[in-house]
C-alpha atoms as a PDB file:
ATOM      1  CA  MET A   1      35.806   9.626   2.222  1.00  0.00           C
ATOM      2  CA  GLU A   2      36.495   5.738   2.971  1.00  0.00           C
ATOM      3  CA  LYS A   3      33.780   3.781   3.244  1.00  0.00           C
ATOM      4  CA  SER A   4      32.723   2.176   6.521  1.00  0.00           C
ATOM      5  CA  TRP A   5      32.965  -1.520   7.299  1.00  0.00           C
ATOM      6  CA  PHE A   6      29.379  -1.988   6.943  1.00  0.00           C
ATOM      7  CA  GLU A   7      29.390  -0.277   3.515  1.00  0.00           C
ATOM      8  CA  LYS A   8      32.132  -2.490   2.227  1.00  0.00           C
ATOM      9  CA  LEU A   9      30.367  -5.596   3.731  1.00  0.00           C
ATOM     10  CA  GLU A  10      27.214  -4.475   1.982  1.00  0.00           C
ATOM     11  CA  GLU A  11      28.924  -3.803  -1.295  1.00  0.00           C
ATOM     12  CA  ASN A  12      30.840  -7.401  -0.987  1.00  0.00           C
ATOM     13  CA  LEU A  13      27.285  -9.028  -0.466  1.00  0.00           C
ATOM     14  CA  ASP A  14      25.792  -6.980  -3.527  1.00  0.00           C
ATOM     15  CA  ASN A  15      28.522  -8.407  -5.383  1.00  0.00           C
ATOM     16  CA  ARG A  16      28.365 -11.731  -4.379  1.00  0.00           C
ATOM     17  CA  LEU A  17      24.567 -11.860  -4.554  1.00  0.00           C
ATOM     18  CA  ALA A  18      24.817 -10.281  -8.421  1.00  0.00           C
ATOM     19  CA  GLU A  19      27.376 -12.991  -9.250  1.00  0.00           C
ATOM     20  CA  PHE A  20      25.365 -16.005  -7.725  1.00  0.00           C
ATOM     21  CA  LEU A  21      22.353 -14.607  -9.702  1.00  0.00           C
ATOM     22  CA  GLN A  22      24.169 -14.281 -12.802  1.00  0.00           C
ATOM     23  CA  ALA A  23      25.688 -17.684 -12.732  1.00  0.00           C
ATOM     24  CA  ASN A  24      21.892 -19.391 -11.909  1.00  0.00           C
ATOM     25  CA  PRO A  25      19.166 -17.429 -14.145  1.00  0.00           C
ATOM     26  CA  SER A  26      16.563 -19.454 -12.504  1.00  0.00           C
ATOM     27  CA  GLN A  27      17.092 -18.187  -9.059  1.00  0.00           C
ATOM     28  CA  ASP A  28      17.301 -14.650 -10.703  1.00  0.00           C
ATOM     29  CA  LYS A  29      13.978 -15.273 -12.226  1.00  0.00           C
ATOM     30  CA  LEU A  30      12.748 -16.550  -8.621  1.00  0.00           C
ATOM     31  CA  LEU A  31      14.115 -13.537  -7.293  1.00  0.00           C
ATOM     32  CA  LYS A  32      12.107 -11.213  -9.347  1.00  0.00           C
ATOM     33  CA  ASN A  33       8.985 -13.073  -9.341  1.00  0.00           C
ATOM     34  CA  GLN A  34       8.794 -13.116  -5.598  1.00  0.00           C
ATOM     35  CA  SER A  35      10.003  -9.385  -5.754  1.00  0.00           C
ATOM     36  CA  GLN A  36       6.663  -8.853  -7.741  1.00  0.00           C
ATOM     37  CA  THR A  37       4.669 -11.005  -5.774  1.00  0.00           C
ATOM     38  CA  ASP A  38       5.632  -9.242  -2.493  1.00  0.00           C
ATOM     39  CA  LEU A  39       4.772  -5.776  -4.442  1.00  0.00           C
ATOM     40  CA  TYR A  40       1.617  -7.147  -5.478  1.00  0.00           C
ATOM     41  CA  ASN A  41       0.634  -8.415  -2.037  1.00  0.00           C
ATOM     42  CA  SER A  42       1.634  -4.991  -0.428  1.00  0.00           C
ATOM     43  CA  LEU A  43      -0.296  -3.363  -2.820  1.00  0.00           C
ATOM     44  CA  ILE A  44      -3.538  -5.233  -2.328  1.00  0.00           C
ATOM     45  CA  LEU A  45      -2.722  -4.611   1.558  1.00  0.00           C
ATOM     46  CA  ARG A  46      -2.476  -0.780   0.954  1.00  0.00           C
ATOM     47  CA  GLN A  47      -5.525  -0.506  -1.416  1.00  0.00           C
ATOM     48  CA  GLU A  48      -7.840  -2.339   1.276  1.00  0.00           C
ATOM     49  CA  GLN A  49      -6.393   0.103   4.060  1.00  0.00           C
ATOM     50  CA  LEU A  50      -7.420   2.890   1.687  1.00  0.00           C
ATOM     51  CA  LYS A  51     -10.734   1.484   1.060  1.00  0.00           C
ATOM     52  CA  LEU A  52     -11.486   1.472   4.782  1.00  0.00           C
ATOM     53  CA  GLU A  53     -10.280   4.883   5.140  1.00  0.00           C
ATOM     54  CA  ALA A  54     -12.623   6.017   2.746  1.00  0.00           C
ATOM     55  CA  GLN A  55     -15.481   4.343   3.966  1.00  0.00           C
ATOM     56  CA  THR A  56     -14.703   5.808   7.291  1.00  0.00           C
ATOM     57  CA  THR A  57     -14.271   8.942   5.655  1.00  0.00           C
ATOM     58  CA  ARG A  58     -17.867   8.607   3.975  1.00  0.00           C
ATOM     59  CA  LYS A  59     -19.393   7.543   7.204  1.00  0.00           C
ATOM     60  CA  GLU A  60     -18.208  10.771   8.779  1.00  0.00           C
ATOM     61  CA  LEU A  61     -19.546  13.014   5.787  1.00  0.00           C
ATOM     62  CA  LEU A  62     -22.769  11.591   6.373  1.00  0.00           C
ATOM     63  CA  HIS A  63     -22.954  12.404  10.117  1.00  0.00           C
ATOM     64  CA  LEU A  64     -21.310  15.677   9.276  1.00  0.00           C
ATOM     65  CA  ALA A  65     -24.268  16.270   7.101  1.00  0.00           C
ATOM     66  CA  GLU A  66     -26.838  15.697   9.729  1.00  0.00           C
ATOM     67  CA  ASP A  67     -25.149  18.129  12.126  1.00  0.00           C
ATOM     68  CA  ILE A  68     -24.791  20.852   9.421  1.00  0.00           C
ATOM     69  CA  GLN A  69     -28.674  20.437   8.749  1.00  0.00           C
ATOM     70  CA  ASP A  70     -29.290  20.372  12.817  1.00  0.00           C
ATOM     71  CA  TRP A  71     -27.394  23.676  13.192  1.00  0.00           C
ATOM     72  CA  ARG A  72     -28.930  25.300  10.169  1.00  0.00           C
ATOM     73  CA  ARG A  73     -32.041  24.471  11.754  1.00  0.00           C
ATOM     74  CA  LYS A  74     -30.935  25.893  15.153  1.00  0.00           C
ATOM     75  CA  SER A  75     -29.488  29.062  13.579  1.00  0.00           C
ATOM     76  CA  ALA A  76     -33.175  29.644  11.778  1.00  0.00           C
ATOM     77  CA  ILE A  77     -34.811  29.324  14.830  1.00  0.00           C
ATOM     78  CA  ALA A  78     -32.600  31.596  16.964  1.00  0.00           C
ATOM     79  CA  ASN A  79     -32.847  34.553  14.249  1.00  0.00           C
ATOM     80  CA  GLN A  80     -36.413  34.112  14.139  1.00  0.00           C
ATOM     81  CA  ALA A  81     -36.758  34.325  18.275  1.00  0.00           C
ATOM     82  CA  GLY A  82     -34.925  37.397  17.814  1.00  0.00           C
ATOM     83  CA  ARG A  83     -31.888  36.255  19.355  1.00  0.00           C
ATOM     84  CA  SER A  84     -29.245  37.148  16.936  1.00  0.00           C
ATOM     85  CA  ASP A  85     -26.435  36.787  19.370  1.00  0.00           C
ATOM     86  CA  LEU A  86     -27.256  32.954  19.342  1.00  0.00           C
ATOM     87  CA  GLY A  87     -27.897  33.123  15.842  1.00  0.00           C
ATOM     88  CA  LYS A  88     -24.380  34.227  15.328  1.00  0.00           C
ATOM     89  CA  LYS A  89     -22.814  31.672  17.540  1.00  0.00           C
ATOM     90  CA  ALA A  90     -24.666  29.064  15.622  1.00  0.00           C
ATOM     91  CA  SER A  91     -23.715  30.352  12.401  1.00  0.00           C
ATOM     92  CA  TYR A  92     -20.031  30.355  13.244  1.00  0.00           C
ATOM     93  CA  HIS A  93     -20.319  26.724  14.339  1.00  0.00           C
ATOM     94  CA  LEU A  94     -21.931  25.790  11.016  1.00  0.00           C
ATOM     95  CA  ASN A  95     -19.391  27.254   9.307  1.00  0.00           C
ATOM     96  CA  GLN A  96     -16.635  25.290  11.335  1.00  0.00           C
ATOM     97  CA  LEU A  97     -18.509  22.268  10.140  1.00  0.00           C
ATOM     98  CA  MET A  98     -18.830  23.348   6.529  1.00  0.00           C
ATOM     99  CA  GLU A  99     -15.361  23.921   6.514  1.00  0.00           C
ATOM    100  CA  HIS A 100     -14.735  20.315   7.976  1.00  0.00           C
ATOM    101  CA  GLY A 101     -17.118  18.961   5.503  1.00  0.00           C
ATOM    102  CA  ARG A 102     -15.026  20.479   2.569  1.00  0.00           C
ATOM    103  CA  ASN A 103     -11.967  18.889   4.095  1.00  0.00           C
ATOM    104  CA  LEU A 104     -13.254  15.467   4.525  1.00  0.00           C
ATOM    105  CA  TRP A 105     -14.528  15.852   0.758  1.00  0.00           C
ATOM    106  CA  SER A 106     -11.068  16.790  -0.275  1.00  0.00           C
ATOM    107  CA  LYS A 107      -9.676  13.840   1.639  1.00  0.00           C
ATOM    108  CA  LEU A 108     -11.881  11.561   0.098  1.00  0.00           C
ATOM    109  CA  ILE A 109     -11.235  12.619  -3.425  1.00  0.00           C
ATOM    110  CA  ARG A 110      -7.513  11.918  -2.648  1.00  0.00           C
ATOM    111  CA  LEU A 111      -8.366   8.526  -1.358  1.00  0.00           C
ATOM    112  CA  GLY A 112     -10.349   7.842  -4.571  1.00  0.00           C
ATOM    113  CA  VAL A 113      -7.359   9.099  -6.740  1.00  0.00           C
ATOM    114  CA  GLU A 114      -4.703   7.078  -4.394  1.00  0.00           C
ATOM    115  CA  ILE A 115      -7.255   3.803  -4.851  1.00  0.00           C
ATOM    116  CA  LYS A 116      -7.180   4.388  -8.569  1.00  0.00           C
ATOM    117  CA  ALA A 117      -3.468   4.610  -9.001  1.00  0.00           C
ATOM    118  CA  MET A 118      -3.117   1.674  -6.678  1.00  0.00           C
ATOM    119  CA  ASN A 119      -5.473  -0.266  -8.772  1.00  0.00           C
ATOM    120  CA  ASN A 120      -3.613   0.584 -12.169  1.00  0.00           C
ATOM    121  CA  GLN A 121      -0.638  -0.576 -10.298  1.00  0.00           C
ATOM    122  CA  ILE A 122      -2.067  -3.824  -9.411  1.00  0.00           C
ATOM    123  CA  ASN A 123      -3.451  -4.180 -12.767  1.00  0.00           C
ATOM    124  CA  GLU A 124      -0.174  -3.663 -14.494  1.00  0.00           C
ATOM    125  CA  ILE A 125       1.705  -6.301 -12.201  1.00  0.00           C
ATOM    126  CA  SER A 126      -1.153  -8.630 -13.104  1.00  0.00           C
ATOM    127  CA  LEU A 127      -0.279  -8.254 -16.413  1.00  0.00           C
ATOM    128  CA  LEU A 128       3.268  -8.751 -16.017  1.00  0.00           C
ATOM    129  CA  LYS A 129       2.724 -11.947 -14.340  1.00  0.00           C
ATOM    130  CA  LYS A 130       3.468 -15.114 -16.674  1.00  0.00           C
ATOM    131  CA  GLU A 131       3.084 -17.593 -14.228  1.00  0.00           C
ATOM    132  CA  PRO A 132       0.665 -18.378 -11.448  1.00  0.00           C
ATOM    133  CA  ILE A 133       2.353 -17.857  -8.107  1.00  0.00           C
ATOM    134  CA  SER A 134       1.756 -21.642  -7.429  1.00  0.00           C
ATOM    135  CA  SER A 135       4.361 -22.453  -9.690  1.00  0.00           C
ATOM    136  CA  HIS A 136       7.036 -20.289  -7.722  1.00  0.00           C
ATOM    137  CA  THR A 137       6.894 -23.130  -5.213  1.00  0.00           C
ATOM    138  CA  ASP A 138       7.407 -25.689  -7.373  1.00  0.00           C
ATOM    139  CA  GLU A 139      10.346 -24.147  -8.798  1.00  0.00           C
ATOM    140  CA  TRP A 140      11.658 -23.508  -5.260  1.00  0.00           C
ATOM    141  CA  ALA A 141      11.358 -26.993  -4.428  1.00  0.00           C
ATOM    142  CA  ALA A 142      13.138 -27.718  -7.887  1.00  0.00           C
ATOM    143  CA  PHE A 143      15.825 -25.646  -6.680  1.00  0.00           C
ATOM    144  CA  GLU A 144      16.379 -27.195  -2.954  1.00  0.00           C
ATOM    145  CA  THR A 145      16.369 -30.529  -4.799  1.00  0.00           C
ATOM    146  CA  GLU A 146      19.102 -29.316  -7.048  1.00  0.00           C
ATOM    147  CA  GLU A 147      20.984 -27.890  -4.333  1.00  0.00           C
ATOM    148  CA  GLU A 148      20.858 -30.813  -2.103  1.00  0.00           C
ATOM    149  CA  LEU A 149      22.135 -33.233  -4.786  1.00  0.00           C
ATOM    150  CA  GLU A 150      24.932 -30.895  -5.404  1.00  0.00           C
ATOM    151  CA  LEU A 151      25.936 -31.172  -1.862  1.00  0.00           C
ATOM    152  CA  LEU A 152      25.551 -35.016  -1.969  1.00  0.00           C
ATOM    153  CA  ARG A 153      27.615 -35.074  -5.083  1.00  0.00           C
ATOM    154  CA  GLN A 154      30.423 -33.045  -3.655  1.00  0.00           C
ATOM    155  CA  LYS A 155      30.336 -35.428  -0.413  1.00  0.00           C
ATOM    156  CA  ILE A 156      30.895 -38.354  -2.508  1.00  0.00           C
ATOM    157  CA  GLY A 157      33.450 -36.716  -4.667  1.00  0.00           C
ATOM    158  CA  LEU A 158      31.291 -37.123  -8.211  1.00  0.00           C
ATOM    159  CA  ASN A 159      32.047 -33.352  -8.725  1.00  0.00           C
ATOM    160  CA  ASP A 160      35.079 -32.191 -10.871  1.00  0.00           C
END
């Protein structure tokens, strides 16, 4: 099957970018550093979101624990008063609350695992970084200056 015009364009642009980066290793390094920084920042953001979700889940669990205690008490009172029908309803509701609690615990465990994995990725990227982020802006400024000089040279005919 023949490629669409969009796929051809994308392939052409990818090839041109690869050629440019091969001819300009400093730009390749800048691009890789920027990609690494972007990944690092997105991981930090995602980790913060997960931490907030875990905090909300913990609060929900604490509230649920209070509800469970209340319904245990209500069930016991109903059974002591000889109202087994009411005691059964309270026990049924208590079981639903307990199931919800188990689900919240599972969610909290999953969030903890995700946060730990995210933290490991963040640490790996931190170790891979050899230069502080601020030097990237300095390198970018130097590149832009170099490009402007090249354009000026071309305009006045100094390039061969």
